[in-house]
Every structure is written in C-alpha cells, then in structure tokens.
N, C-alpha and C. Protein backbone atom coordinates (compact mmCIF):
# COMPACT_ATOMS: atom_id res chain seq x y z
N UNK A 1 9.91 46.96 4.38
CA UNK A 1 9.70 46.27 5.42
C UNK A 1 11.10 45.10 5.48
N UNK A 2 11.55 45.09 6.51
CA UNK A 2 12.66 44.00 6.54
C UNK A 2 12.25 42.65 7.46
N UNK A 3 12.40 41.45 6.70
CA UNK A 3 11.74 40.41 7.34
C UNK A 3 12.84 39.95 8.32
N UNK A 4 12.45 39.61 9.46
CA UNK A 4 13.21 39.20 10.58
C UNK A 4 13.51 37.67 10.71
N UNK A 5 14.43 37.04 10.80
CA UNK A 5 14.77 35.56 11.00
C UNK A 5 13.55 34.84 11.65
N UNK A 6 12.98 35.12 12.74
CA UNK A 6 11.84 34.73 13.51
C UNK A 6 10.52 34.86 12.78
N UNK A 7 10.38 35.81 11.80
CA UNK A 7 9.19 35.99 10.98
C UNK A 7 9.41 34.89 9.81
N UNK A 8 10.58 34.72 9.43
CA UNK A 8 10.73 33.68 8.05
C UNK A 8 10.39 32.42 8.93
N UNK A 9 11.13 31.99 10.15
CA UNK A 9 10.77 30.68 10.58
C UNK A 9 9.26 30.70 10.96
N UNK A 10 8.69 31.66 11.36
CA UNK A 10 7.32 31.21 11.79
C UNK A 10 6.64 30.90 10.41
N UNK A 11 6.89 31.70 9.23
CA UNK A 11 6.14 31.40 7.95
C UNK A 11 6.49 30.10 7.56
N UNK A 12 7.70 29.64 7.66
CA UNK A 12 8.07 28.30 7.24
C UNK A 12 7.59 27.30 8.18
N UNK A 13 7.10 27.46 9.37
CA UNK A 13 6.43 26.45 10.27
C UNK A 13 5.03 26.60 9.89
N UNK A 14 4.34 27.42 9.73
CA UNK A 14 3.10 27.56 9.35
C UNK A 14 2.77 26.93 7.99
N UNK A 15 3.76 27.09 7.02
CA UNK A 15 3.56 26.48 5.70
C UNK A 15 3.89 24.98 5.86
N UNK A 16 4.89 24.55 6.71
CA UNK A 16 5.11 23.22 6.91
C UNK A 16 3.78 22.44 7.68
N UNK A 17 3.22 23.33 8.61
CA UNK A 17 2.03 22.50 9.13
C UNK A 17 1.07 22.37 8.41
N UNK A 18 0.72 23.43 7.46
CA UNK A 18 -0.46 23.39 6.43
C UNK A 18 -0.26 22.04 5.56
N UNK A 19 1.06 22.10 4.97
CA UNK A 19 1.39 20.98 4.12
C UNK A 19 1.21 19.55 4.74
N UNK A 20 1.63 19.25 6.09
CA UNK A 20 1.47 18.12 6.76
C UNK A 20 -0.15 17.96 6.97
N UNK A 21 -0.95 18.88 7.31
CA UNK A 21 -2.10 18.65 7.57
C UNK A 21 -3.01 18.40 6.26
N UNK A 22 -2.54 18.71 4.97
CA UNK A 22 -3.16 18.51 3.69
C UNK A 22 -2.71 16.92 3.49
N UNK A 23 -1.62 16.65 3.54
CA UNK A 23 -1.23 15.39 3.48
C UNK A 23 -1.96 14.44 4.15
N UNK A 24 -2.14 14.74 5.52
CA UNK A 24 -2.69 13.81 6.39
C UNK A 24 -4.31 13.95 6.33
N UNK A 25 -4.86 14.58 5.47
CA UNK A 25 -6.26 14.68 5.44
C UNK A 25 -6.84 13.67 4.74
N UNK A 26 -7.94 13.10 5.02
CA UNK A 26 -8.54 11.88 4.45
C UNK A 26 -8.61 12.11 3.05
N UNK A 27 -8.80 11.46 1.96
CA UNK A 27 -9.11 11.49 0.60
C UNK A 27 -10.76 11.24 0.44
N UNK A 28 -10.90 12.05 -0.61
CA UNK A 28 -12.54 11.49 -0.53
C UNK A 28 -12.81 10.13 -0.94
N UNK A 29 -13.95 9.86 -1.05
CA UNK A 29 -14.27 8.39 -1.15
C UNK A 29 -14.44 7.93 -2.79
N UNK A 30 -14.22 8.94 -3.52
CA UNK A 30 -14.47 8.62 -4.80
C UNK A 30 -13.90 7.25 -5.39
N UNK A 31 -14.53 6.54 -6.33
CA UNK A 31 -13.87 5.44 -6.71
C UNK A 31 -14.39 4.19 -6.12
N UNK A 32 -15.30 4.43 -5.17
CA UNK A 32 -15.93 3.52 -4.45
C UNK A 32 -17.04 2.82 -5.24
N UNK A 33 -17.59 3.33 -6.14
CA UNK A 33 -18.55 3.04 -6.94
C UNK A 33 -18.22 1.44 -7.43
N UNK A 34 -19.20 0.84 -8.25
CA UNK A 34 -19.03 -0.53 -8.73
C UNK A 34 -17.86 -0.53 -9.93
N UNK A 35 -16.99 -1.57 -9.88
CA UNK A 35 -15.77 -1.51 -10.78
C UNK A 35 -16.03 -2.78 -11.66
N UNK A 36 -16.24 -2.70 -13.10
CA UNK A 36 -16.12 -3.41 -13.95
C UNK A 36 -14.73 -4.24 -14.08
N UNK A 37 -14.65 -5.59 -14.10
CA UNK A 37 -13.36 -6.28 -14.29
C UNK A 37 -12.17 -5.60 -13.70
N UNK A 38 -12.28 -5.53 -12.17
CA UNK A 38 -11.32 -4.92 -11.57
C UNK A 38 -10.04 -5.67 -11.44
N UNK A 39 -8.94 -4.97 -11.22
CA UNK A 39 -7.62 -5.58 -10.92
C UNK A 39 -6.91 -4.44 -9.94
N UNK A 40 -6.09 -5.11 -9.34
CA UNK A 40 -5.26 -4.44 -8.41
C UNK A 40 -3.68 -4.37 -8.62
N UNK A 41 -2.98 -3.29 -9.18
CA UNK A 41 -1.66 -3.36 -9.53
C UNK A 41 -0.84 -2.69 -8.44
N UNK A 42 0.11 -3.30 -7.90
CA UNK A 42 0.95 -2.45 -6.73
C UNK A 42 2.39 -2.34 -7.33
N UNK A 43 2.98 -1.35 -6.99
CA UNK A 43 4.10 -0.70 -7.32
C UNK A 43 5.04 -0.51 -6.15
N UNK A 44 6.17 -1.32 -5.64
CA UNK A 44 6.97 -1.41 -4.42
C UNK A 44 7.61 0.07 -4.51
N UNK A 45 8.65 0.14 -5.45
CA UNK A 45 9.58 1.30 -5.51
C UNK A 45 8.76 2.85 -5.57
N UNK A 46 7.57 2.61 -6.14
CA UNK A 46 6.81 4.20 -6.06
C UNK A 46 5.93 4.19 -4.95
N UNK A 47 5.63 2.93 -4.16
CA UNK A 47 4.84 3.16 -3.22
C UNK A 47 3.50 3.45 -3.70
N UNK A 48 2.89 2.79 -4.71
CA UNK A 48 1.58 3.07 -5.28
C UNK A 48 0.76 1.80 -5.51
N UNK A 49 -0.50 1.91 -5.30
CA UNK A 49 -1.38 0.93 -5.66
C UNK A 49 -2.46 1.44 -6.69
N UNK A 50 -2.59 0.94 -7.87
CA UNK A 50 -3.61 1.27 -8.83
C UNK A 50 -4.72 0.48 -8.76
N UNK A 51 -6.03 0.98 -8.55
CA UNK A 51 -7.20 0.22 -8.88
C UNK A 51 -7.57 0.22 -10.29
N UNK A 52 -7.71 -0.75 -11.04
CA UNK A 52 -7.99 -0.89 -12.54
C UNK A 52 -9.50 -1.18 -12.51
N UNK A 53 -10.39 -0.54 -13.35
CA UNK A 53 -11.47 -0.99 -13.65
C UNK A 53 -11.79 -0.88 -15.08
N UNK A 54 -12.17 -2.16 -15.72
CA UNK A 54 -12.08 -2.48 -17.27
C UNK A 54 -10.73 -1.97 -17.96
N UNK A 55 -9.77 -2.07 -17.34
CA UNK A 55 -8.54 -2.08 -17.97
C UNK A 55 -7.93 -0.40 -17.73
N UNK A 56 -8.72 0.44 -17.18
CA UNK A 56 -8.40 1.54 -16.98
C UNK A 56 -8.12 2.14 -15.54
N UNK A 57 -7.11 2.69 -15.19
CA UNK A 57 -6.76 3.17 -13.74
C UNK A 57 -7.80 4.02 -13.24
N UNK A 58 -8.64 3.73 -12.39
CA UNK A 58 -9.79 4.47 -11.74
C UNK A 58 -9.24 5.18 -10.50
N UNK A 59 -8.06 4.81 -9.69
CA UNK A 59 -7.80 5.45 -8.69
C UNK A 59 -6.23 4.92 -8.29
N UNK A 60 -5.35 5.93 -7.92
CA UNK A 60 -4.02 5.42 -7.60
C UNK A 60 -4.13 5.92 -6.03
N UNK A 61 -3.42 4.88 -5.03
CA UNK A 61 -3.30 5.05 -3.88
C UNK A 61 -2.08 4.92 -3.21
N UNK A 62 -1.42 5.85 -2.45
CA UNK A 62 -0.26 5.56 -1.75
C UNK A 62 -0.22 4.36 -1.01
N UNK A 63 0.83 3.54 -1.01
CA UNK A 63 0.96 2.17 -0.21
C UNK A 63 2.25 2.33 0.34
N UNK A 64 2.31 1.47 1.38
CA UNK A 64 3.72 1.19 2.18
C UNK A 64 3.60 -0.50 2.30
N UNK A 65 5.03 -0.87 2.71
CA UNK A 65 5.06 -2.07 2.74
C UNK A 65 5.87 -2.63 3.83
N UNK A 66 6.60 -3.80 3.69
CA UNK A 66 7.24 -4.39 4.95
C UNK A 66 8.60 -3.63 5.41
N UNK A 67 9.19 -4.09 6.31
CA UNK A 67 10.50 -3.36 6.73
C UNK A 67 11.75 -3.67 6.00
N UNK A 68 11.68 -4.65 5.06
CA UNK A 68 12.57 -4.82 4.04
C UNK A 68 12.06 -5.40 2.70
N UNK A 69 11.50 -4.19 2.11
CA UNK A 69 10.64 -4.48 0.88
C UNK A 69 11.13 -4.81 -0.34
N UNK A 70 12.66 -4.56 -0.45
CA UNK A 70 13.21 -4.84 -1.87
C UNK A 70 13.42 -6.42 -2.02
N UNK A 71 13.00 -6.61 -3.18
CA UNK A 71 13.06 -8.37 -3.36
C UNK A 71 11.63 -8.99 -2.97
N UNK A 72 11.34 -10.12 -3.69
CA UNK A 72 10.06 -10.78 -3.27
C UNK A 72 10.12 -11.50 -2.01
N UNK A 73 9.09 -11.67 -1.30
CA UNK A 73 9.21 -12.60 -0.26
C UNK A 73 9.65 -13.93 -0.46
N UNK A 74 10.47 -14.34 0.46
CA UNK A 74 10.81 -15.49 0.57
C UNK A 74 10.35 -16.66 1.54
N UNK A 75 10.39 -16.15 2.84
CA UNK A 75 10.29 -16.93 3.80
C UNK A 75 9.62 -16.08 5.06
N UNK A 76 8.95 -16.90 5.82
CA UNK A 76 8.10 -16.38 6.96
C UNK A 76 9.07 -15.57 7.67
N UNK A 77 8.57 -14.37 8.21
CA UNK A 77 9.37 -13.41 8.81
C UNK A 77 10.66 -12.45 8.43
N UNK A 78 10.47 -12.43 6.96
CA UNK A 78 11.65 -11.87 6.14
C UNK A 78 11.09 -10.48 6.08
N UNK A 79 10.14 -9.75 6.24
CA UNK A 79 9.56 -8.56 6.25
C UNK A 79 9.49 -8.08 4.78
N UNK A 80 9.18 -9.01 3.75
CA UNK A 80 9.40 -8.42 2.53
C UNK A 80 7.71 -8.62 1.84
N UNK A 81 7.72 -8.01 1.08
CA UNK A 81 6.14 -8.07 0.42
C UNK A 81 6.58 -8.79 -0.80
N UNK A 82 5.47 -9.73 -1.24
CA UNK A 82 5.76 -10.66 -2.30
C UNK A 82 5.61 -9.85 -3.56
N UNK A 83 6.10 -10.40 -4.59
CA UNK A 83 6.10 -10.02 -6.09
C UNK A 83 5.59 -10.98 -6.85
N UNK A 84 4.49 -10.78 -7.74
CA UNK A 84 3.91 -11.98 -8.54
C UNK A 84 2.43 -11.55 -8.70
N UNK A 85 1.73 -12.54 -9.49
CA UNK A 85 0.40 -12.38 -9.60
C UNK A 85 -0.27 -13.25 -8.58
N UNK A 86 -1.35 -12.54 -7.92
CA UNK A 86 -2.11 -13.42 -6.78
C UNK A 86 -3.64 -13.06 -7.03
N UNK A 87 -4.49 -13.45 -6.20
CA UNK A 87 -5.76 -13.00 -6.21
C UNK A 87 -6.32 -12.55 -4.81
N UNK A 88 -7.22 -11.81 -4.82
CA UNK A 88 -7.99 -11.76 -3.41
C UNK A 88 -8.57 -12.81 -2.90
N UNK A 89 -8.18 -13.32 -1.63
CA UNK A 89 -8.61 -14.73 -1.15
C UNK A 89 -9.67 -14.50 -0.42
N UNK A 90 -9.77 -13.26 0.34
CA UNK A 90 -10.65 -13.25 1.48
C UNK A 90 -10.79 -11.52 1.72
N UNK A 91 -11.98 -11.30 2.36
CA UNK A 91 -12.10 -10.02 2.75
C UNK A 91 -12.82 -9.88 4.22
N UNK A 92 -12.13 -9.15 5.10
CA UNK A 92 -12.58 -9.09 6.52
C UNK A 92 -12.60 -7.71 7.21
N UNK A 93 -13.46 -7.46 8.00
CA UNK A 93 -13.54 -6.18 8.65
C UNK A 93 -13.03 -6.46 10.14
N UNK A 94 -12.09 -5.62 10.38
CA UNK A 94 -11.48 -5.88 11.83
C UNK A 94 -10.96 -4.73 12.46
N UNK A 95 -10.87 -4.84 13.70
CA UNK A 95 -10.50 -3.37 14.54
C UNK A 95 -9.05 -3.15 14.21
N UNK A 96 -8.09 -4.28 14.23
CA UNK A 96 -6.82 -4.10 13.81
C UNK A 96 -6.50 -3.55 12.63
N UNK A 97 -6.98 -4.04 11.58
CA UNK A 97 -6.72 -3.40 10.28
C UNK A 97 -7.89 -2.79 9.42
N UNK A 98 -8.87 -2.34 10.32
CA UNK A 98 -10.04 -1.62 9.51
C UNK A 98 -10.61 -2.66 8.62
N UNK A 99 -10.07 -2.68 7.35
CA UNK A 99 -10.43 -3.83 6.45
C UNK A 99 -9.28 -4.50 5.97
N UNK A 100 -9.48 -5.72 5.66
CA UNK A 100 -8.26 -6.56 5.36
C UNK A 100 -8.57 -7.43 4.10
N UNK A 101 -7.96 -7.18 2.91
CA UNK A 101 -8.18 -7.96 1.79
C UNK A 101 -6.98 -8.85 1.59
N UNK A 102 -7.25 -10.37 2.05
CA UNK A 102 -6.29 -11.47 1.98
C UNK A 102 -5.81 -11.56 0.61
N UNK A 103 -4.24 -11.65 0.48
CA UNK A 103 -3.77 -12.10 -0.90
C UNK A 103 -3.30 -13.48 -0.87
N UNK A 104 -3.39 -14.07 -1.90
CA UNK A 104 -3.24 -15.55 -2.21
C UNK A 104 -1.84 -15.87 -2.01
N UNK A 105 -0.96 -15.22 -1.47
CA UNK A 105 0.46 -15.55 -1.25
C UNK A 105 0.31 -16.67 -0.21
N UNK A 106 1.45 -17.83 -0.48
CA UNK A 106 2.16 -17.94 -1.65
C UNK A 106 1.41 -18.76 -2.72
N UNK A 107 1.67 -18.35 -3.88
CA UNK A 107 1.32 -18.93 -5.20
C UNK A 107 2.18 -20.13 -5.57
N UNK A 108 1.73 -20.85 -6.59
CA UNK A 108 2.72 -21.87 -7.01
C UNK A 108 4.19 -21.67 -7.47
N UNK A 109 4.37 -20.43 -8.06
CA UNK A 109 5.74 -19.86 -8.26
C UNK A 109 6.57 -19.70 -7.01
N UNK A 110 5.95 -19.15 -5.88
CA UNK A 110 6.51 -18.78 -4.71
C UNK A 110 6.76 -20.14 -4.03
N UNK A 111 5.96 -21.31 -3.93
CA UNK A 111 6.33 -22.30 -3.32
C UNK A 111 7.39 -23.11 -4.13
N UNK A 112 7.30 -23.14 -5.46
CA UNK A 112 8.56 -23.59 -6.06
C UNK A 112 10.06 -23.06 -5.83
N UNK A 113 10.00 -21.95 -5.91
CA UNK A 113 11.03 -20.74 -5.47
C UNK A 113 11.39 -21.32 -4.04
N UNK A 114 10.46 -21.35 -3.03
CA UNK A 114 11.03 -21.81 -1.75
C UNK A 114 11.52 -23.11 -1.71
N UNK A 115 11.15 -24.11 -2.35
CA UNK A 115 11.46 -25.59 -2.17
C UNK A 115 12.79 -25.43 -3.04
N UNK A 116 13.23 -24.98 -4.16
CA UNK A 116 14.38 -24.93 -4.68
C UNK A 116 15.42 -24.16 -3.77
N UNK A 117 15.06 -23.55 -2.88
CA UNK A 117 15.98 -22.73 -2.04
C UNK A 117 16.12 -23.67 -0.68
N UNK A 118 15.32 -24.65 -0.46
CA UNK A 118 15.37 -25.17 0.86
C UNK A 118 14.61 -24.67 1.79
N UNK A 119 13.58 -23.60 1.58
CA UNK A 119 12.93 -22.86 2.45
C UNK A 119 11.50 -23.94 2.82
N UNK A 120 11.35 -24.28 3.85
CA UNK A 120 10.18 -24.84 4.27
C UNK A 120 8.97 -23.84 4.59
N UNK A 121 9.15 -22.93 5.11
CA UNK A 121 8.07 -21.86 5.54
C UNK A 121 8.20 -20.64 4.78
N UNK A 122 7.46 -20.52 3.63
CA UNK A 122 7.48 -19.39 2.82
C UNK A 122 6.50 -18.31 3.30
N UNK A 123 5.84 -18.40 4.30
CA UNK A 123 5.14 -17.44 5.27
C UNK A 123 3.66 -17.50 4.73
N UNK A 124 2.88 -16.49 4.87
CA UNK A 124 1.48 -16.38 4.51
C UNK A 124 0.96 -15.13 5.20
N UNK A 125 -0.57 -15.00 5.17
CA UNK A 125 -1.07 -13.97 6.04
C UNK A 125 -0.88 -12.64 5.38
N UNK A 126 -0.58 -12.65 4.10
CA UNK A 126 -0.48 -11.24 3.46
C UNK A 126 -1.78 -10.57 3.06
N UNK A 127 -1.77 -9.51 3.17
CA UNK A 127 -2.96 -8.74 2.78
C UNK A 127 -2.86 -7.16 2.40
N UNK A 128 -3.87 -6.51 1.98
CA UNK A 128 -3.85 -5.17 1.77
C UNK A 128 -4.76 -4.42 2.74
N UNK A 129 -4.34 -3.66 3.50
CA UNK A 129 -5.03 -3.30 4.77
C UNK A 129 -4.89 -1.79 5.30
N UNK A 130 -5.89 -1.53 6.15
CA UNK A 130 -5.78 -0.16 6.75
C UNK A 130 -5.07 -0.39 8.11
N UNK A 131 -5.44 0.29 9.05
CA UNK A 131 -4.95 0.10 10.34
C UNK A 131 -5.89 0.68 11.65
N UNK A 132 -5.73 0.65 12.77
CA UNK A 132 -6.64 0.71 13.88
C UNK A 132 -7.23 2.22 13.72
N UNK A 133 -8.28 2.38 14.25
CA UNK A 133 -9.13 3.83 13.86
C UNK A 133 -7.93 4.86 14.83
N UNK A 134 -7.60 4.84 15.75
CA UNK A 134 -6.74 5.62 16.62
C UNK A 134 -5.35 5.89 15.97
N UNK A 135 -4.92 5.19 15.02
CA UNK A 135 -3.70 5.24 14.35
C UNK A 135 -3.96 5.66 12.86
N UNK A 136 -5.30 5.87 12.50
CA UNK A 136 -5.45 6.31 10.90
C UNK A 136 -4.95 7.25 10.59
N UNK A 137 -4.49 8.61 11.23
CA UNK A 137 -4.14 10.00 10.81
C UNK A 137 -2.55 9.72 10.71
N UNK A 138 -2.08 9.22 11.67
CA UNK A 138 -0.62 8.80 11.58
C UNK A 138 -0.45 7.86 10.38
N UNK A 139 -1.03 6.88 10.49
CA UNK A 139 -0.70 5.81 9.29
C UNK A 139 -1.05 6.68 7.89
N UNK A 140 -1.96 7.48 7.67
CA UNK A 140 -2.22 7.85 6.31
C UNK A 140 -1.09 9.04 6.21
N UNK A 141 -0.60 9.76 7.15
CA UNK A 141 0.51 10.76 6.88
C UNK A 141 1.90 9.83 6.63
N UNK A 142 2.05 8.73 7.20
CA UNK A 142 3.39 8.04 7.06
C UNK A 142 3.23 7.55 5.40
N UNK A 143 2.04 6.98 5.01
CA UNK A 143 1.78 6.20 3.73
C UNK A 143 1.86 7.35 2.59
N UNK A 144 1.52 8.61 2.74
CA UNK A 144 1.45 9.56 1.52
C UNK A 144 2.83 9.77 1.70
N UNK A 145 3.39 10.33 2.70
CA UNK A 145 4.94 10.84 2.88
C UNK A 145 5.95 9.87 2.40
N UNK A 146 5.62 8.79 2.69
CA UNK A 146 6.65 7.56 2.00
C UNK A 146 6.63 7.47 0.78
N UNK A 147 5.35 7.48 0.20
CA UNK A 147 5.12 7.45 -1.34
C UNK A 147 5.58 8.62 -1.92
N UNK A 148 5.36 9.80 -1.58
CA UNK A 148 5.76 10.96 -2.26
C UNK A 148 7.36 11.14 -2.16
N UNK A 149 7.85 10.81 -1.08
CA UNK A 149 9.48 10.92 -1.00
C UNK A 149 10.14 9.72 -1.50
N UNK A 150 9.56 8.61 -2.16
CA UNK A 150 10.47 7.48 -2.30
C UNK A 150 10.64 6.49 -1.33
N UNK A 151 10.23 6.91 -0.19
CA UNK A 151 10.71 5.93 1.08
C UNK A 151 9.77 4.45 1.09
N UNK A 152 8.89 4.39 0.58
CA UNK A 152 7.95 3.22 0.68
C UNK A 152 8.78 2.26 -0.12
N UNK A 153 9.76 2.39 -0.79
CA UNK A 153 10.55 1.11 -1.57
C UNK A 153 11.66 0.82 -0.61
N UNK A 154 11.76 1.68 0.51
CA UNK A 154 13.15 1.31 1.31
C UNK A 154 12.83 1.05 2.54
N UNK A 155 11.87 1.26 3.09
CA UNK A 155 11.24 0.80 4.52
C UNK A 155 9.75 0.99 4.77
N UNK A 156 9.24 0.02 5.53
CA UNK A 156 7.62 0.31 5.69
C UNK A 156 7.36 -0.48 7.07
N UNK A 157 6.31 0.06 7.55
CA UNK A 157 5.81 -0.41 8.99
C UNK A 157 5.09 -1.77 8.94
N UNK A 158 4.87 -2.49 7.90
CA UNK A 158 4.21 -4.03 7.87
C UNK A 158 5.13 -4.90 8.13
N UNK A 159 4.67 -6.15 8.19
CA UNK A 159 5.52 -7.31 8.32
C UNK A 159 5.64 -8.01 7.12
N UNK A 160 5.12 -7.09 5.73
CA UNK A 160 5.30 -7.74 4.46
C UNK A 160 3.91 -7.46 3.74
N UNK A 161 2.73 -7.00 4.42
CA UNK A 161 1.42 -6.61 3.80
C UNK A 161 1.77 -5.47 3.03
N UNK A 162 0.65 -5.10 2.40
CA UNK A 162 0.37 -3.51 1.76
C UNK A 162 -0.34 -2.82 2.48
N UNK A 163 0.21 -1.64 3.04
CA UNK A 163 -0.52 -0.88 3.92
C UNK A 163 -1.12 0.35 3.31
N UNK A 164 -2.38 0.76 3.49
CA UNK A 164 -2.94 1.89 2.65
C UNK A 164 -3.86 2.75 3.53
N UNK A 165 -4.07 3.74 3.41
CA UNK A 165 -5.15 4.74 4.25
C UNK A 165 -6.48 4.01 4.34
N UNK A 166 -6.77 4.11 5.63
CA UNK A 166 -8.30 3.63 5.87
C UNK A 166 -9.40 3.85 4.81
N UNK A 167 -9.42 5.09 4.20
CA UNK A 167 -10.45 5.30 3.40
C UNK A 167 -10.26 4.64 1.99
N UNK A 168 -8.92 4.48 1.70
CA UNK A 168 -8.50 3.83 0.64
C UNK A 168 -8.85 2.42 0.74
N UNK A 169 -8.47 1.69 1.76
CA UNK A 169 -8.94 0.11 1.81
C UNK A 169 -10.36 -0.10 1.80
N UNK A 170 -11.23 1.17 2.23
CA UNK A 170 -12.61 0.95 1.99
C UNK A 170 -13.16 1.06 0.67
N UNK A 171 -12.60 1.92 -0.17
CA UNK A 171 -12.68 2.03 -1.43
C UNK A 171 -12.40 0.59 -2.21
N UNK A 172 -11.32 0.17 -1.94
CA UNK A 172 -10.96 -1.48 -2.43
C UNK A 172 -12.00 -2.37 -1.74
N UNK A 173 -12.28 -2.41 -0.62
CA UNK A 173 -12.95 -3.44 0.04
C UNK A 173 -14.63 -3.52 -0.84
N UNK A 174 -15.17 -2.08 -1.07
CA UNK A 174 -16.51 -2.02 -1.81
C UNK A 174 -16.11 -2.47 -3.31
N UNK A 175 -15.12 -2.18 -3.81
CA UNK A 175 -15.01 -2.28 -5.79
C UNK A 175 -14.51 -3.63 -5.89
N UNK A 176 -13.87 -4.25 -5.19
CA UNK A 176 -12.96 -5.76 -5.81
C UNK A 176 -13.71 -6.85 -5.07
N UNK A 177 -14.18 -7.92 -5.56
CA UNK A 177 -14.76 -9.20 -4.95
C UNK A 177 -13.74 -10.08 -4.64
N UNK A 178 -13.86 -11.03 -3.87
CA UNK A 178 -12.89 -12.16 -3.71
C UNK A 178 -12.47 -12.74 -5.25
N UNK A 179 -11.35 -13.08 -5.40
CA UNK A 179 -11.04 -13.62 -6.90
C UNK A 179 -10.30 -12.60 -7.79
N UNK A 180 -10.40 -11.20 -7.19
CA UNK A 180 -9.76 -10.12 -8.15
C UNK A 180 -8.43 -10.43 -8.26
N UNK A 181 -7.72 -10.13 -9.62
CA UNK A 181 -6.41 -10.37 -9.77
C UNK A 181 -5.67 -9.20 -9.05
N UNK A 182 -4.47 -9.50 -8.30
CA UNK A 182 -3.55 -8.67 -7.66
C UNK A 182 -2.42 -8.82 -8.27
N UNK A 183 -1.61 -8.00 -8.96
CA UNK A 183 -0.06 -7.88 -9.48
C UNK A 183 0.58 -6.99 -8.54
N UNK A 184 1.68 -7.60 -8.06
CA UNK A 184 2.55 -6.94 -7.28
C UNK A 184 3.80 -6.88 -8.00
N UNK A 185 4.65 -5.69 -8.50
CA UNK A 185 5.56 -5.37 -9.16
C UNK A 185 6.72 -4.79 -8.19
N UNK A 186 7.88 -5.01 -8.65
CA UNK A 186 9.07 -4.06 -7.97
C UNK A 186 8.87 -2.78 -8.22
N UNK A 187 8.75 -2.38 -9.47
CA UNK A 187 8.45 -0.88 -9.87
C UNK A 187 7.33 -0.85 -11.00
N UNK A 188 6.92 0.40 -11.38
CA UNK A 188 5.98 0.64 -12.30
C UNK A 188 6.60 0.34 -13.58
N UNK A 189 6.08 -0.27 -14.82
CA UNK A 189 6.73 -0.36 -16.01
C UNK A 189 6.94 1.07 -16.47
N UNK A 190 8.23 1.07 -17.34
CA UNK A 190 8.58 2.50 -17.80
C UNK A 190 7.41 2.89 -18.72
N UNK A 191 6.66 2.22 -19.21
CA UNK A 191 5.70 2.85 -20.18
C UNK A 191 4.49 3.53 -19.12
N UNK A 192 4.36 3.27 -17.91
CA UNK A 192 3.39 3.86 -17.18
C UNK A 192 4.06 4.81 -16.08
N UNK A 193 5.11 5.33 -16.20
CA UNK A 193 5.90 6.20 -15.24
C UNK A 193 5.51 7.67 -15.68
C-alpha cells in the first residue's frame, strides 16, 4: 500500500491534535494533601515551579512569567519577575486569577538595589496565580508548551507574576500557608537539572 501525501498530512494532523489535547488536559489534583515544611522554588529559564515538602520535591508544575522575564524585577512596569527569596504574603480567591498567592516583593534586597539605581517605584503586586475560568484551557496549554519548549524564559503573558494552571494553583493554595518561603531563581541549579 502506498501512502498518499494527504494521508500522511491527515495522520500528522490527528497526531498533533492528540498531543495538544494531552498537553491542555488538566493534571490530577495529586499533591494537594498537607505539606510538612513547605517551600516553593521557581526556575525562570526552565519555566518550572517545584513544591517542596520537608525538603523533597512533591510536585513540579509548568510556570510562565512576565513579558520580559530575563533578569530580576527592578521597577514598576518592567514586566520582569523578581529573583530572590520571598514569602507567601497573602492568599486570595478571585474570578480574575482563580487563586492568587501574594509574594512579598519587594524585599529588603530589592529596595536597596532600587535605591542604589535611583528607582523610586520598584513595583509590587507580584503573585503566583491562575486565570479566569473561561481562559483556563488556553492558559494551561500555553504554560505547558512554553515550559516544555523553553519559551517561558523568553516571554510570558503576565506583568511579572508567576502564572500556573488553575489546578496547580489550587494545589499550592491548599498546601502552603501564609509565610511559606518562595525562592525565585533565574535557572535551576546544575545539581538539579
């Protein structure tokens, strides 16, 4: 039997559609149970967020960032995601973000760096969040594709926040209390790649 070009294209189209559906399909809620000594570690280049419980990675989630993700946030409106050590400062349910875990940006290091550069408005309102329910599928697809293809470290749809799929932010919302340590790094350490 000889394959015709249209059969090959049809097979490729079905394969691509199946792959996109698999990527966009919601992940299970595993990892939502209680977490002893939680921490969140975020790696911008890899587009990844690790939920650690008792020092061990419980779950890795795809993440996306601001429109200008390379380098630490310096000022309001620069669309960068901060880099440094922070804390979860608040937890809010909302229609716009589904769940929003506020991050304690700017910290003392950020304020010092801004003052040294003459920046009077380092920004704020940074958080880990999902999106509106009607955009959840598209956001999940982008977040996972961007993470898998290495695009999360190049461009993202937030203004500097950490965007994750709605089901992933639900896991975080349940697992971590206010005060949880959040480490945002430009890249995953070589020992954990």
